[in-house]
N, C-alpha and C. Protein backbone atom coordinates (compact mmCIF):
# COMPACT_ATOMS: atom_id res chain seq x y z
N MET A 1 122.28 116.03 80.25
CA MET A 1 121.01 116.50 80.75
C MET A 1 121.23 117.81 81.50
N ALA A 2 120.31 118.74 81.41
CA ALA A 2 120.47 120.06 82.01
C ALA A 2 120.25 120.00 83.52
N SER A 3 121.01 120.79 84.24
CA SER A 3 120.83 120.86 85.69
C SER A 3 119.71 121.85 85.98
N GLU A 4 119.38 121.98 87.26
CA GLU A 4 118.28 122.88 87.65
C GLU A 4 118.57 124.33 87.25
N GLU A 5 119.83 124.75 87.33
CA GLU A 5 120.18 126.13 87.00
C GLU A 5 120.06 126.39 85.50
N ASP A 6 120.27 125.35 84.66
CA ASP A 6 120.27 125.50 83.22
C ASP A 6 118.90 125.25 82.59
N GLU A 7 117.91 124.88 83.39
CA GLU A 7 116.59 124.54 82.87
C GLU A 7 115.94 125.76 82.22
N VAL A 8 115.43 125.58 81.01
CA VAL A 8 114.80 126.67 80.27
C VAL A 8 113.32 126.34 80.11
N TYR A 9 112.46 127.30 80.50
CA TYR A 9 111.02 127.11 80.42
C TYR A 9 110.45 128.07 79.38
N THR A 10 109.37 127.63 78.73
CA THR A 10 108.74 128.49 77.74
C THR A 10 107.93 129.58 78.43
N GLU A 11 107.52 130.57 77.66
CA GLU A 11 106.70 131.65 78.21
C GLU A 11 105.35 131.11 78.69
N ASP A 12 104.79 130.17 77.94
CA ASP A 12 103.51 129.58 78.35
C ASP A 12 103.64 128.82 79.67
N GLU A 13 104.74 128.08 79.82
CA GLU A 13 104.97 127.36 81.08
C GLU A 13 105.13 128.33 82.24
N THR A 14 105.84 129.42 82.01
CA THR A 14 106.04 130.42 83.06
C THR A 14 104.72 131.07 83.44
N ASN A 15 103.91 131.43 82.44
CA ASN A 15 102.62 132.06 82.74
C ASN A 15 101.72 131.11 83.51
N GLU A 16 101.72 129.85 83.12
CA GLU A 16 100.87 128.88 83.83
C GLU A 16 101.37 128.66 85.25
N ALA A 17 102.68 128.65 85.45
CA ALA A 17 103.24 128.50 86.79
C ALA A 17 102.89 129.71 87.66
N MET A 18 102.94 130.90 87.07
CA MET A 18 102.58 132.11 87.83
C MET A 18 101.10 132.07 88.21
N PHE A 19 100.25 131.63 87.28
CA PHE A 19 98.83 131.50 87.58
C PHE A 19 98.61 130.50 88.71
N PHE A 20 99.35 129.38 88.66
CA PHE A 20 99.25 128.35 89.70
C PHE A 20 99.62 128.93 91.06
N ILE A 21 100.67 129.74 91.11
CA ILE A 21 101.12 130.34 92.37
C ILE A 21 100.06 131.30 92.91
N ARG A 22 99.50 132.14 92.02
CA ARG A 22 98.46 133.08 92.47
C ARG A 22 97.20 132.34 92.92
N GLU A 23 96.81 131.32 92.15
CA GLU A 23 95.58 130.59 92.45
C GLU A 23 95.66 129.88 93.80
N HIS A 24 96.81 129.36 94.14
CA HIS A 24 96.98 128.62 95.39
C HIS A 24 97.62 129.46 96.49
N GLU A 25 97.79 130.75 96.21
CA GLU A 25 98.35 131.70 97.19
C GLU A 25 99.67 131.21 97.75
N LEU A 26 100.57 130.81 96.85
CA LEU A 26 101.89 130.34 97.25
C LEU A 26 102.89 131.49 97.18
N PRO A 27 103.96 131.42 97.97
CA PRO A 27 104.99 132.46 97.87
C PRO A 27 105.79 132.30 96.58
N MET A 28 106.40 133.37 96.12
CA MET A 28 107.19 133.35 94.89
C MET A 28 108.41 132.43 94.99
N THR A 29 108.80 132.10 96.20
CA THR A 29 109.93 131.18 96.35
C THR A 29 109.59 129.79 95.82
N GLU A 30 108.31 129.51 95.61
CA GLU A 30 107.87 128.22 95.10
C GLU A 30 107.79 128.20 93.57
N LEU A 31 108.26 129.25 92.90
CA LEU A 31 108.15 129.34 91.45
C LEU A 31 108.85 128.18 90.74
N ARG A 32 110.04 127.84 91.18
CA ARG A 32 110.77 126.76 90.53
C ARG A 32 109.98 125.45 90.60
N TYR A 33 109.35 125.18 91.76
CA TYR A 33 108.56 123.96 91.90
C TYR A 33 107.28 124.04 91.07
N ALA A 34 106.70 125.21 90.96
CA ALA A 34 105.52 125.38 90.12
C ALA A 34 105.87 125.15 88.65
N LEU A 35 107.03 125.64 88.22
CA LEU A 35 107.47 125.41 86.85
C LEU A 35 107.67 123.92 86.58
N LYS A 36 108.28 123.23 87.52
CA LYS A 36 108.48 121.79 87.36
C LYS A 36 107.14 121.06 87.33
N TYR A 37 106.20 121.51 88.17
CA TYR A 37 104.87 120.91 88.20
C TYR A 37 104.18 121.07 86.85
N VAL A 38 104.26 122.26 86.28
CA VAL A 38 103.64 122.53 84.99
C VAL A 38 104.28 121.66 83.91
N ARG A 39 105.58 121.52 83.94
CA ARG A 39 106.28 120.70 82.95
C ARG A 39 105.86 119.24 83.07
N ILE A 40 105.76 118.74 84.29
CA ILE A 40 105.34 117.36 84.50
C ILE A 40 103.88 117.18 84.10
N LEU A 41 103.05 118.17 84.43
CA LEU A 41 101.63 118.10 84.13
C LEU A 41 101.37 117.97 82.64
N HIS A 42 102.11 118.70 81.83
CA HIS A 42 101.90 118.71 80.39
C HIS A 42 102.87 117.82 79.63
N GLY A 43 103.77 117.20 80.32
CA GLY A 43 104.74 116.33 79.67
C GLY A 43 105.93 117.13 79.19
N ALA A 44 107.02 116.43 78.94
CA ALA A 44 108.24 117.08 78.48
C ALA A 44 108.04 117.58 77.06
N ARG A 45 108.47 118.80 76.77
CA ARG A 45 108.29 119.37 75.45
C ARG A 45 109.52 119.20 74.56
N SER A 46 110.67 118.97 75.15
CA SER A 46 111.86 118.80 74.34
C SER A 46 112.29 117.33 74.37
N PRO A 47 112.94 116.85 73.33
CA PRO A 47 113.33 115.43 73.29
C PRO A 47 114.26 115.02 74.43
N GLU A 48 115.09 115.93 74.91
CA GLU A 48 116.01 115.54 75.99
C GLU A 48 115.31 115.38 77.32
N ASN A 49 114.10 115.93 77.49
CA ASN A 49 113.36 115.82 78.75
C ASN A 49 112.34 114.69 78.73
N GLN A 50 112.21 113.99 77.62
CA GLN A 50 111.21 112.94 77.53
C GLN A 50 111.70 111.70 78.27
N VAL A 51 110.74 111.00 78.86
CA VAL A 51 111.05 109.77 79.58
C VAL A 51 111.13 108.66 78.55
N LEU A 52 112.23 107.93 78.57
CA LEU A 52 112.44 106.85 77.62
C LEU A 52 111.77 105.58 78.14
N ALA A 53 111.37 104.74 77.21
CA ALA A 53 110.78 103.46 77.58
C ALA A 53 111.84 102.61 78.27
N ASP A 54 111.39 101.75 79.15
CA ASP A 54 112.29 100.88 79.89
C ASP A 54 112.93 99.88 78.92
N PRO A 55 114.24 99.98 78.68
CA PRO A 55 114.88 99.08 77.70
C PRO A 55 114.85 97.62 78.14
N VAL A 56 114.82 97.35 79.44
CA VAL A 56 114.81 95.98 79.92
C VAL A 56 113.47 95.32 79.59
N ALA A 57 112.38 96.08 79.63
CA ALA A 57 111.05 95.53 79.35
C ALA A 57 110.92 95.14 77.88
N GLN A 58 111.75 95.68 77.00
CA GLN A 58 111.65 95.40 75.58
C GLN A 58 112.47 94.18 75.16
N ILE A 59 113.28 93.64 76.03
CA ILE A 59 114.10 92.49 75.70
C ILE A 59 113.23 91.24 75.76
N PRO A 60 113.16 90.46 74.68
CA PRO A 60 112.34 89.25 74.72
C PRO A 60 112.96 88.22 75.65
N VAL A 61 112.11 87.54 76.38
CA VAL A 61 112.56 86.53 77.32
C VAL A 61 112.08 85.18 76.82
N ALA A 62 113.01 84.25 76.72
CA ALA A 62 112.66 82.91 76.25
C ALA A 62 111.91 82.18 77.34
N GLU A 63 110.82 81.50 76.95
CA GLU A 63 110.05 80.72 77.91
C GLU A 63 110.61 79.30 77.92
N VAL A 64 110.83 78.77 79.10
CA VAL A 64 111.35 77.41 79.23
C VAL A 64 110.44 76.61 80.15
N GLU A 65 110.45 75.31 79.97
CA GLU A 65 109.67 74.43 80.83
C GLU A 65 110.54 73.99 82.00
N PRO A 66 109.92 73.79 83.15
CA PRO A 66 110.70 73.30 84.29
C PRO A 66 111.16 71.87 84.03
N PRO A 67 112.22 71.46 84.69
CA PRO A 67 112.70 70.09 84.49
C PRO A 67 111.65 69.09 84.99
N VAL A 68 111.68 67.91 84.41
CA VAL A 68 110.75 66.85 84.80
C VAL A 68 111.10 66.41 86.22
N PHE A 69 110.08 66.26 87.06
CA PHE A 69 110.30 65.87 88.44
C PHE A 69 110.47 64.36 88.52
N ASN A 70 111.53 63.92 89.16
CA ASN A 70 111.84 62.50 89.28
C ASN A 70 111.28 62.00 90.60
N TRP A 71 110.16 61.27 90.55
CA TRP A 71 109.52 60.78 91.77
C TRP A 71 110.29 59.61 92.37
N GLU A 72 111.16 59.00 91.63
CA GLU A 72 111.93 57.86 92.13
C GLU A 72 113.13 58.31 92.96
N ASP A 73 113.53 59.55 92.83
CA ASP A 73 114.69 60.06 93.55
C ASP A 73 114.34 60.17 95.03
N LYS A 74 115.12 59.57 95.88
CA LYS A 74 114.85 59.56 97.32
C LYS A 74 114.92 60.97 97.93
N GLU A 75 115.76 61.83 97.41
CA GLU A 75 115.90 63.17 97.96
C GLU A 75 114.68 64.04 97.68
N ASN A 76 113.91 63.72 96.65
CA ASN A 76 112.76 64.53 96.28
C ASN A 76 111.44 64.01 96.84
N GLN A 77 111.50 63.03 97.72
CA GLN A 77 110.26 62.47 98.31
C GLN A 77 109.73 63.42 99.39
N PRO A 78 108.38 63.46 99.53
CA PRO A 78 107.81 64.32 100.57
C PRO A 78 108.22 63.87 101.96
N VAL A 79 108.29 64.82 102.86
CA VAL A 79 108.68 64.56 104.24
C VAL A 79 107.42 64.42 105.07
N GLU A 80 107.38 63.41 105.92
CA GLU A 80 106.22 63.22 106.79
C GLU A 80 106.27 64.25 107.91
N ARG A 81 105.07 64.75 108.24
CA ARG A 81 104.97 65.70 109.36
C ARG A 81 104.31 65.00 110.54
N HIS A 82 104.87 65.20 111.69
CA HIS A 82 104.31 64.60 112.91
C HIS A 82 103.74 65.72 113.77
N PRO A 83 102.47 65.58 114.15
CA PRO A 83 101.84 66.65 114.97
C PRO A 83 102.37 66.75 116.36
């Protein structure tokens, strides 16, 4: 993945970022953040910048039933509460 120094923006992205800076009266030092904002606003244009789907969410999970509760077991009996 490209670092901040290696990031390449299109001419359209640059023009839109410059317009954003002028419109909001921001200093030119904010250009990098404006470029990132424009990229996020319109989505990643290159395959390496696209957000991938969560691989864990795609794994099927088997549904199981809870074990049968044994009411005869002394350890599983309800506890009396005294006020």
